[in-house]
N, C-alpha and C. Protein backbone atom coordinates (compact mmCIF):
# COMPACT_ATOMS: atom_id res chain seq x y z
N MET A 1 106.96 74.98 109.49
CA MET A 1 107.10 76.22 110.05
C MET A 1 107.69 77.02 108.67
N PRO A 2 107.71 76.50 107.68
CA PRO A 2 108.50 77.07 106.67
C PRO A 2 107.49 78.28 106.15
N TYR A 3 105.82 78.30 106.00
CA TYR A 3 105.28 79.49 105.75
C TYR A 3 105.08 80.60 106.87
N TYR A 4 105.73 80.33 107.89
CA TYR A 4 105.98 81.30 108.94
C TYR A 4 106.81 82.48 108.58
N LEU A 5 108.22 81.72 107.90
CA LEU A 5 109.38 82.04 107.63
C LEU A 5 108.68 83.32 106.63
N GLU A 6 108.39 82.58 105.32
CA GLU A 6 107.77 83.43 104.03
C GLU A 6 106.91 84.29 104.40
N LEU A 7 105.57 84.19 105.07
CA LEU A 7 104.71 85.48 105.94
C LEU A 7 105.53 86.47 106.46
N SER A 8 106.70 86.12 106.98
CA SER A 8 107.69 87.58 107.74
C SER A 8 108.38 88.24 106.98
N LEU A 9 108.91 87.03 105.81
CA LEU A 9 109.83 87.87 104.87
C LEU A 9 108.44 88.93 103.83
N VAL A 10 107.68 88.41 103.90
CA VAL A 10 106.63 89.35 102.55
C VAL A 10 106.35 90.16 103.47
N THR A 11 105.90 90.08 104.59
CA THR A 11 105.41 91.45 105.55
C THR A 11 106.82 92.13 105.46
N LEU A 12 108.18 91.85 105.78
CA LEU A 12 109.14 92.48 105.70
C LEU A 12 109.14 93.07 104.63
N GLY A 13 109.02 92.87 103.44
CA GLY A 13 109.21 93.81 102.29
C GLY A 13 108.05 94.82 102.13
N TYR A 14 106.82 94.29 102.64
CA TYR A 14 106.00 95.12 102.54
C TYR A 14 105.93 96.17 103.26
N PHE A 15 106.81 96.28 104.61
CA PHE A 15 107.18 97.59 105.34
C PHE A 15 108.11 98.24 104.70
N LEU A 16 108.99 97.50 104.46
CA LEU A 16 110.30 98.19 103.85
C LEU A 16 109.56 98.80 102.45
N GLU A 17 108.79 98.31 101.47
CA GLU A 17 108.51 99.40 100.67
C GLU A 17 107.84 100.32 101.19
N ASP A 18 106.79 100.39 102.00
CA ASP A 18 106.01 101.60 102.46
C ASP A 18 106.75 102.30 103.01
N PHE A 19 107.82 101.90 103.78
CA PHE A 19 108.62 103.20 104.79
C PHE A 19 109.10 103.64 103.34
N THR A 20 110.03 103.18 102.52
CA THR A 20 110.66 104.22 101.55
C THR A 20 109.47 105.10 101.10
N ASN A 21 108.72 104.27 100.40
CA ASN A 21 107.52 105.24 100.02
C ASN A 21 107.56 106.16 100.66
N HIS A 22 106.93 105.99 101.77
CA HIS A 22 106.51 106.90 102.81
C HIS A 22 107.58 108.27 102.99
N VAL A 23 108.72 108.11 103.26
CA VAL A 23 109.80 108.46 103.03
C VAL A 23 110.24 109.57 102.14
N PHE A 24 110.13 108.58 100.89
CA PHE A 24 111.06 109.28 99.86
C PHE A 24 109.72 109.71 98.66
N PHE A 25 108.74 109.29 98.25
CA PHE A 25 108.10 110.01 97.80
C PHE A 25 106.59 110.37 97.76
N LYS A 26 105.93 109.81 98.83
CA LYS A 26 104.75 110.49 99.19
C LYS A 26 104.79 112.02 99.89
N GLU A 27 103.75 112.69 99.43
CA GLU A 27 104.00 114.02 100.15
C GLU A 27 103.61 114.07 101.51
N ARG A 28 104.27 115.08 102.48
CA ARG A 28 104.18 114.70 103.67
C ARG A 28 103.22 115.19 104.37
N SER A 29 102.31 114.03 105.28
CA SER A 29 101.17 114.64 105.99
C SER A 29 101.08 114.87 107.55
N SER A 30 100.18 115.47 107.94
CA SER A 30 100.07 115.65 109.39
C SER A 30 100.72 114.87 110.12
N ASP A 31 100.61 113.28 109.87
CA ASP A 31 101.68 111.99 110.95
C ASP A 31 102.82 111.79 110.24
N PHE A 32 103.40 112.11 109.78
CA PHE A 32 104.51 112.04 108.78
C PHE A 32 105.20 111.27 109.82
N TRP A 33 105.98 112.14 110.80
CA TRP A 33 106.76 111.54 111.93
C TRP A 33 106.26 109.91 112.79
N GLU A 34 105.55 110.22 112.82
CA GLU A 34 104.45 109.18 113.85
C GLU A 34 104.53 107.69 112.65
N MET A 35 104.07 108.16 111.56
CA MET A 35 104.25 106.84 110.98
C MET A 35 105.52 106.33 110.45
N ASN A 36 107.08 107.63 110.88
CA ASN A 36 107.93 106.95 110.28
C ASN A 36 108.61 106.41 111.78
N LEU A 37 108.48 106.51 112.78
CA LEU A 37 108.63 105.83 113.87
C LEU A 37 107.78 104.21 114.10
N HIS A 38 106.88 104.19 113.14
CA HIS A 38 106.37 103.09 113.45
C HIS A 38 106.65 102.26 112.72
N HIS A 39 107.43 102.98 110.93
CA HIS A 39 107.59 101.59 110.28
C HIS A 39 108.88 101.63 110.72
N SER A 40 109.71 102.23 111.41
CA SER A 40 111.10 102.11 111.51
C SER A 40 111.08 100.61 113.14
N MET A 41 110.00 101.11 113.67
CA MET A 41 109.71 100.51 114.74
C MET A 41 109.63 98.63 113.86
N THR A 42 108.74 98.65 113.39
CA THR A 42 108.30 97.64 112.68
C THR A 42 109.38 96.96 111.65
N LEU A 43 109.66 97.83 110.97
CA LEU A 43 110.94 96.79 110.89
C LEU A 43 112.08 96.32 111.45
N THR A 44 112.36 97.07 112.74
CA THR A 44 113.09 96.32 113.49
C THR A 44 112.52 95.65 113.83
N LEU A 45 111.45 95.08 114.70
CA LEU A 45 110.69 94.34 115.10
C LEU A 45 110.74 92.79 113.99
N ILE A 46 110.51 93.11 113.14
CA ILE A 46 110.23 92.04 111.99
C ILE A 46 111.42 91.64 111.66
N GLY A 47 112.44 92.27 111.33
CA GLY A 47 113.81 92.01 110.87
C GLY A 47 114.53 91.24 112.43
N GLY A 48 114.41 91.69 113.54
CA GLY A 48 114.67 91.50 114.69
C GLY A 48 113.85 89.50 114.98
N MET A 49 112.98 89.47 115.05
CA MET A 49 112.51 88.43 115.13
C MET A 49 112.92 87.37 114.23
N ILE A 50 113.00 87.82 112.79
CA ILE A 50 113.53 86.89 111.87
C ILE A 50 114.47 86.56 112.29
N LEU A 51 115.86 87.05 112.80
CA LEU A 51 117.16 87.23 113.05
C LEU A 51 117.21 86.01 114.52
N GLN A 52 116.76 86.33 115.09
CA GLN A 52 116.39 85.81 116.28
C GLN A 52 115.83 84.47 116.53
N ASN A 53 115.05 84.05 115.30
CA ASN A 53 114.38 83.05 115.32
C ASN A 53 112.74 83.11 116.20
N TYR A 54 112.42 84.40 116.64
CA TYR A 54 111.08 84.18 117.34
C TYR A 54 109.71 84.41 116.16
N ILE A 55 110.04 83.58 115.30
CA ILE A 55 109.22 83.83 114.15
C ILE A 55 107.52 83.37 114.70
N PRO A 56 107.07 82.74 115.28
CA PRO A 56 105.93 82.14 115.87
C PRO A 56 105.00 83.54 116.42
N PRO A 57 105.96 84.06 117.32
CA PRO A 57 105.56 85.26 118.19
C PRO A 57 105.29 86.45 117.38
N GLY A 58 106.41 86.45 116.21
CA GLY A 58 106.52 87.64 115.39
C GLY A 58 105.00 87.55 114.16
N THR A 59 104.80 85.69 113.98
CA THR A 59 103.57 86.10 113.13
C THR A 59 102.18 86.76 114.15
N ILE A 60 102.26 86.30 115.00
CA ILE A 60 101.14 86.59 115.82
C ILE A 60 100.85 88.32 115.73
N ILE A 61 101.78 88.92 116.19
CA ILE A 61 101.71 90.50 116.10
C ILE A 61 101.94 90.96 114.72
N ILE A 62 101.77 90.04 113.60
CA ILE A 62 101.99 90.44 112.17
C ILE A 62 100.51 90.43 112.41
N TYR A 63 99.62 89.11 112.07
CA TYR A 63 98.32 89.04 112.31
C TYR A 63 97.62 90.27 112.89
N LEU A 64 97.92 90.54 114.06
CA LEU A 64 97.04 91.83 115.25
C LEU A 64 97.16 93.21 114.70
N HIS A 65 98.23 93.17 113.29
CA HIS A 65 98.31 94.38 112.90
C HIS A 65 97.48 94.31 112.21
N THR A 66 97.81 93.30 111.24
CA THR A 66 96.86 93.45 109.51
C THR A 66 95.54 93.31 109.53
N VAL A 67 94.93 92.64 110.49
CA VAL A 67 93.41 92.84 110.59
C VAL A 67 93.01 94.18 110.97
N PRO A 68 93.22 94.61 111.81
CA PRO A 68 92.62 96.12 111.82
C PRO A 68 92.86 97.32 110.79
N ASP A 69 94.16 96.61 110.16
CA ASP A 69 94.25 97.46 109.20
C ASP A 69 93.49 97.29 107.84
N ALA A 70 92.86 96.16 107.55
CA ALA A 70 91.94 95.94 106.79
C ALA A 70 90.45 96.92 107.03
N PHE A 71 90.08 97.03 108.30
CA PHE A 71 88.85 97.12 108.55
C PHE A 71 89.21 99.20 108.39
N ILE A 72 90.28 99.57 108.64
CA ILE A 72 90.58 101.29 108.54
C ILE A 72 90.75 101.60 107.13
N THR A 73 91.20 100.83 106.38
CA THR A 73 90.96 101.05 105.17
C THR A 73 89.83 100.79 104.26
N ALA A 74 88.79 100.12 104.74
CA ALA A 74 87.60 100.10 104.13
C ALA A 74 87.07 101.49 104.47
N SER A 75 87.39 101.43 105.98
CA SER A 75 86.73 103.18 106.17
C SER A 75 86.99 104.29 105.30
N ARG A 76 88.28 104.27 105.25
CA ARG A 76 89.05 105.56 104.45
C ARG A 76 88.22 105.37 103.43
N ILE A 77 88.26 104.55 102.56
CA ILE A 77 87.80 104.00 101.22
C ILE A 77 86.31 104.59 100.86
N LEU A 78 85.71 104.33 102.35
CA LEU A 78 84.36 104.90 102.39
C LEU A 78 84.28 106.32 102.67
N SER A 79 85.24 106.87 103.15
CA SER A 79 85.15 108.07 103.58
C SER A 79 85.61 109.18 102.21
N GLN A 80 85.48 108.50 101.24
CA GLN A 80 85.92 108.90 99.86
C GLN A 80 84.54 108.88 99.14
N THR A 81 83.51 108.53 99.61
CA THR A 81 82.26 108.49 98.81
C THR A 81 81.14 109.32 99.40
N HIS A 82 79.92 109.17 99.06
CA HIS A 82 79.07 109.62 99.46
C HIS A 82 78.02 108.78 100.45
N TYR A 83 78.32 107.75 101.08
CA TYR A 83 77.74 106.88 101.78
C TYR A 83 78.28 107.45 102.78
N LYS A 84 77.56 108.44 103.66
CA LYS A 84 78.48 108.83 105.03
C LYS A 84 77.98 108.08 106.32
N LYS A 85 76.55 107.55 106.09
CA LYS A 85 76.23 106.41 107.24
C LYS A 85 77.19 105.08 106.97
N ALA A 86 77.54 105.04 106.20
CA ALA A 86 78.14 103.51 105.82
C ALA A 86 79.46 103.91 106.02
N THR A 87 80.27 105.22 106.25
CA THR A 87 81.01 105.26 106.51
C THR A 87 81.36 105.30 108.07
N VAL A 88 80.78 105.80 108.78
CA VAL A 88 80.47 105.69 110.31
C VAL A 88 80.56 104.61 110.85
N VAL A 89 79.47 103.56 110.37
CA VAL A 89 79.04 102.15 110.61
C VAL A 89 80.76 101.56 110.27
N SER A 90 81.24 102.02 109.28
CA SER A 90 82.57 101.07 109.17
C SER A 90 83.75 101.59 110.14
N PHE A 91 83.51 102.87 110.33
CA PHE A 91 84.30 103.37 111.22
C PHE A 91 84.28 103.13 112.75
N VAL A 92 83.08 102.92 113.01
CA VAL A 92 82.70 101.92 114.92
C VAL A 92 83.39 100.82 114.70
N ILE A 93 82.97 99.99 113.53
CA ILE A 93 83.64 98.68 113.52
C ILE A 93 84.91 98.85 113.13
N SER A 94 85.73 99.61 112.88
CA SER A 94 87.03 99.79 112.76
C SER A 94 87.77 99.85 113.99
N LEU A 95 87.49 101.12 114.83
CA LEU A 95 87.21 100.88 115.85
C LEU A 95 87.52 100.26 116.60
N PHE A 96 86.27 99.48 117.61
CA PHE A 96 86.25 98.28 118.14
C PHE A 96 87.45 97.34 117.85
N VAL A 97 87.61 97.10 116.39
CA VAL A 97 88.22 95.81 116.18
C VAL A 97 89.75 96.49 116.13
N TRP A 98 90.07 97.54 116.05
CA TRP A 98 91.41 97.94 116.39
C TRP A 98 91.56 98.00 117.83
N MET A 99 90.54 98.44 118.81
CA MET A 99 91.00 98.27 119.97
C MET A 99 91.25 96.98 120.30
N TYR A 100 90.20 95.85 120.13
CA TYR A 100 90.33 94.35 120.24
C TYR A 100 91.60 94.27 120.04
N PHE A 101 92.64 94.15 118.72
CA PHE A 101 93.62 93.67 118.37
C PHE A 101 94.85 94.15 118.59
N ARG A 102 94.59 95.46 118.76
CA ARG A 102 95.68 96.62 119.16
C ARG A 102 95.78 96.70 120.39
N ASN A 103 94.41 97.28 120.72
CA ASN A 103 94.98 97.64 122.41
C ASN A 103 94.27 96.47 123.42
N PHE A 104 94.18 95.48 123.05
CA PHE A 104 93.75 94.55 124.06
C PHE A 104 94.55 93.16 123.90
N CYS A 105 94.50 92.89 122.54
CA CYS A 105 95.46 91.09 122.63
C CYS A 105 97.26 91.61 122.18
N LEU A 106 97.24 92.72 121.59
CA LEU A 106 99.09 92.92 121.73
C LEU A 106 99.62 93.34 122.78
N PRO A 107 98.87 94.04 123.97
CA PRO A 107 99.67 94.02 125.12
C PRO A 107 99.57 92.89 125.72
N LEU A 108 98.66 92.31 125.47
CA LEU A 108 98.72 90.92 126.24
C LEU A 108 99.95 89.80 125.49
N ILE A 109 100.28 90.10 124.15
CA ILE A 109 101.40 89.30 123.70
C ILE A 109 102.64 89.87 124.00
N THR A 110 102.70 91.13 124.32
CA THR A 110 104.06 92.06 124.62
C THR A 110 103.77 91.63 126.12
N LYS A 111 103.48 91.25 127.12
CA LYS A 111 103.36 90.85 128.37
C LYS A 111 104.05 89.70 128.24
N ALA A 112 103.58 88.48 127.30
CA ALA A 112 103.81 87.14 127.03
C ALA A 112 105.15 86.93 126.83
N CYS A 113 105.57 87.90 125.73
CA CYS A 113 107.01 88.15 125.02
C CYS A 113 108.01 89.00 126.24
N TYR A 114 107.57 89.48 127.37
CA TYR A 114 108.09 89.78 128.19
C TYR A 114 108.61 88.97 128.85
N ASP A 115 107.88 88.02 129.62
CA ASP A 115 107.88 87.05 130.31
C ASP A 115 108.75 85.78 130.04
N ASN A 116 108.39 85.59 128.48
CA ASN A 116 108.98 84.17 128.00
C ASN A 116 110.13 84.24 127.30
N LEU A 117 110.27 85.58 126.88
CA LEU A 117 111.62 85.56 125.61
C LEU A 117 113.04 85.59 126.33
N ILE A 118 113.37 84.91 126.93
CA ILE A 118 114.43 84.75 127.89
C ILE A 118 115.54 83.75 127.62
N TYR A 119 116.69 84.09 127.07
CA TYR A 119 117.87 82.98 126.30
C TYR A 119 118.26 82.25 127.94
N GLU A 120 118.67 81.27 127.65
CA GLU A 120 119.40 80.94 129.27
C GLU A 120 120.65 79.94 128.75
N GLY A 121 121.31 79.61 129.98
CA GLY A 121 122.52 78.84 129.78
C GLY A 121 123.27 79.51 129.15
N THR A 122 124.32 79.25 128.24
CA THR A 122 125.57 80.35 127.64
C THR A 122 124.89 80.76 126.71
N LEU A 123 123.59 81.19 126.29
CA LEU A 123 122.59 82.29 125.69
C LEU A 123 122.64 83.91 126.48
N THR A 124 122.82 83.21 127.79
CA THR A 124 122.54 84.82 128.42
C THR A 124 122.79 85.81 128.13
N GLN A 125 124.11 85.96 127.84
CA GLN A 125 124.96 86.90 127.09
C GLN A 125 124.32 88.04 126.15
N TYR A 126 123.56 87.04 125.72
CA TYR A 126 122.60 87.75 124.62
C TYR A 126 121.21 88.31 124.71
N GLN A 127 120.75 88.70 125.96
CA GLN A 127 119.41 88.46 126.21
C GLN A 127 119.34 90.14 126.31
N MET A 128 120.28 90.95 125.47
CA MET A 128 119.79 92.37 125.04
C MET A 128 119.02 92.21 123.67
N ALA A 129 119.03 91.29 122.96
CA ALA A 129 118.34 91.93 121.97
C ALA A 129 117.00 90.93 122.08
N PRO A 130 116.37 90.19 122.58
CA PRO A 130 115.17 89.90 122.70
C PRO A 130 114.69 91.42 123.83
N ASN A 131 115.42 91.94 124.49
CA ASN A 131 114.85 93.04 125.11
C ASN A 131 114.83 94.14 124.66
N ILE A 132 115.33 94.35 123.67
CA ILE A 132 115.69 95.30 122.38
C ILE A 132 113.94 95.45 121.70
N LEU A 133 113.73 93.84 121.29
CA LEU A 133 111.88 93.59 120.62
C LEU A 133 111.12 94.29 121.45
N VAL A 134 111.30 93.51 122.78
CA VAL A 134 110.08 93.54 123.67
C VAL A 134 109.80 95.11 124.13
N PHE A 135 111.08 95.97 123.96
CA PHE A 135 111.02 97.41 124.20
C PHE A 135 110.51 98.04 122.89
N PHE A 136 110.25 97.54 121.64
CA PHE A 136 109.91 98.16 120.76
C PHE A 136 108.56 97.93 120.86
N MET A 137 108.26 96.55 121.07
CA MET A 137 106.62 96.13 120.97
C MET A 137 105.58 96.97 122.00
N HIS A 138 106.36 97.25 123.30
CA HIS A 138 105.87 98.24 124.47
C HIS A 138 105.29 99.27 123.80
N CYS A 139 106.59 99.99 122.98
CA CYS A 139 106.57 101.57 122.35
C CYS A 139 105.53 101.96 121.60
N LEU A 140 105.03 100.15 120.26
CA LEU A 140 104.16 100.17 119.66
C LEU A 140 102.51 100.09 120.31
N CYS A 141 102.89 99.89 121.63
CA CYS A 141 101.75 99.62 122.65
C CYS A 141 101.26 101.03 122.69
N ALA A 142 101.94 101.81 123.16
CA ALA A 142 102.00 103.44 123.27
C ALA A 142 101.67 104.24 122.24
N MET A 143 101.93 103.51 121.18
CA MET A 143 101.65 104.43 119.98
C MET A 143 99.68 104.08 119.81
N HIS A 144 99.75 102.80 119.82
CA HIS A 144 98.42 102.22 119.56
C HIS A 144 97.47 103.02 120.53
N ALA A 145 97.82 103.08 121.39
CA ALA A 145 97.10 103.99 122.61
C ALA A 145 96.57 105.64 122.32
N TYR A 146 98.02 105.95 121.51
CA TYR A 146 97.73 107.45 121.56
C TYR A 146 97.04 107.22 119.84
N TRP A 147 96.74 106.31 118.98
CA TRP A 147 95.97 106.72 117.99
C TRP A 147 94.43 106.00 118.38
N ILE A 148 94.41 105.33 119.50
CA ILE A 148 92.96 105.02 119.88
C ILE A 148 92.31 106.55 120.47
N VAL A 149 93.12 107.20 120.77
CA VAL A 149 92.17 108.43 121.32
C VAL A 149 91.96 109.41 120.05
N LEU A 150 93.27 109.30 119.18
CA LEU A 150 92.94 109.84 117.84
C LEU A 150 91.64 109.78 117.37
N LEU A 151 91.45 108.41 116.93
CA LEU A 151 90.26 107.89 116.33
C LEU A 151 89.01 108.03 116.87
N TRP A 152 88.80 107.99 118.17
CA TRP A 152 87.78 108.38 119.44
C TRP A 152 87.68 109.77 118.75
N ASN A 153 88.47 110.46 118.90
CA ASN A 153 88.46 111.88 118.72
C ASN A 153 87.60 112.08 117.52
N MET A 154 88.44 111.55 116.45
CA MET A 154 87.91 111.93 115.07
C MET A 154 86.22 111.01 114.67
N LEU A 155 86.09 110.15 115.63
CA LEU A 155 84.37 109.78 115.60
C LEU A 155 83.36 110.95 116.26
N ILE A 156 84.21 111.24 117.60
CA ILE A 156 83.05 112.30 118.15
C ILE A 156 83.01 113.32 117.46
N SER A 157 83.71 114.02 116.46
CA SER A 157 84.30 115.48 116.27
C SER A 157 83.30 115.19 114.55
N GLY A 158 83.48 113.83 113.81
CA GLY A 158 82.73 113.37 112.83
C GLY A 158 80.95 113.26 113.09
N LEU A 159 80.83 113.00 114.43
CA LEU A 159 79.46 112.72 114.93
C LEU A 159 78.82 114.13 114.88
N ARG A 160 79.59 114.70 115.67
CA ARG A 160 78.97 116.35 115.91
C ARG A 160 78.96 117.20 114.91
N ALA A 161 79.64 117.11 113.49
CA ALA A 161 79.53 118.09 112.57
C ALA A 161 79.23 117.37 111.30
N GLY A 162 79.23 116.20 111.64
CA GLY A 162 78.59 115.45 110.10
C GLY A 162 79.80 115.13 109.25
N ASP A 163 81.06 114.97 109.63
CA ASP A 163 82.26 115.22 108.76
C ASP A 163 82.51 113.92 108.84
N THR A 164 82.94 113.32 107.43
CA THR A 164 83.70 111.89 107.58
C THR A 164 85.03 112.07 106.97
N ASP A 165 85.66 113.13 106.19
CA ASP A 165 86.90 113.06 106.22
C ASP A 165 87.70 112.64 107.20
N ASP A 166 89.20 112.04 106.50
CA ASP A 166 90.30 111.55 107.33
C ASP A 166 90.97 112.76 107.67
N LYS A 167 90.95 113.25 108.62
CA LYS A 167 91.75 114.55 109.19
C LYS A 167 93.03 114.31 109.58
N GLN A 168 93.57 112.94 110.13
CA GLN A 168 94.81 112.60 110.01
C GLN A 168 95.83 112.65 108.61
N ARG A 169 94.99 112.51 107.43
CA ARG A 169 95.91 112.07 106.45
C ARG A 169 95.63 113.31 105.69
N ASN A 170 95.59 114.49 105.79
CA ASN A 170 95.77 115.48 105.18
C ASN A 170 96.89 115.87 105.37
N THR A 171 97.31 116.21 103.87
CA THR A 171 98.85 116.56 103.47
C THR A 171 98.98 118.06 103.65
N THR A 172 100.05 118.76 103.93
CA THR A 172 100.61 119.76 103.86
C THR A 172 101.59 120.20 102.43
N LYS A 173 101.34 120.96 102.05
CA LYS A 173 101.93 121.14 100.49
C LYS A 173 102.51 122.43 100.75
N LEU A 174 104.06 122.48 100.89
CA LEU A 174 104.90 123.37 100.97
C LEU A 174 105.78 123.78 99.63
N ASP A 175 105.58 124.79 99.03
CA ASP A 175 106.20 124.61 97.68
C ASP A 175 107.20 125.77 98.06
N ALA A 176 107.69 126.58 97.19
CA ALA A 176 108.87 127.48 97.50
C ALA A 176 108.27 128.50 98.00
N ASP A 177 106.95 129.07 97.11
CA ASP A 177 106.53 130.39 97.07
C ASP A 177 105.64 130.50 98.78
N SER A 178 105.32 129.38 99.38
CA SER A 178 104.71 129.67 100.40
C SER A 178 105.55 129.54 101.35
N LYS A 179 106.83 128.86 101.47
CA LYS A 179 108.18 129.17 102.20
C LYS A 179 108.68 130.47 102.13
N LEU A 180 108.37 131.30 101.25
CA LEU A 180 109.09 132.43 100.99
C LEU A 180 108.07 133.57 101.95
N ALA A 181 106.47 133.37 101.65
CA ALA A 181 105.64 134.07 101.94
C ALA A 181 105.97 133.72 103.71
N GLN A 182 106.55 132.56 103.98
CA GLN A 182 106.35 133.34 105.70
C GLN A 182 107.27 133.73 106.13
């Protein structure tokens, strides 16, 4: 089981770097606050599962998040090229992979954690800790439901307008002159 812990620590480091980069170094995009919330909950979940020794269910959740990310990243890369049909095909595949892993499997795992992550005996006084983790898992499920609606809207508007640019990642540049103009 040591490789579970290694995977968890590497993933924790990745999300910590991603959160720090997102907050302090990246230009603010239209999804800035959503991503902050997502990164904060993910860091809490990974850190909490390591501290509470719930590493096997945590690695399943890490896997369920990582697989769709690979497809979404491929779709984002293709959206920056001239291959519009490949972009649409990649995006549709990403949608179905996302729905399966994040909107079907993750709620099932969340339900199983809700039912089974229970301290017994003398440890019942610490039951609040796994309950907090399960609450954050429910929040992530709600965020994924919200994002799947956004992704479907992107697909529909992209098919109607023929535009394959990533609208959610558009940055909002606010410099001193534009603030003064407002």
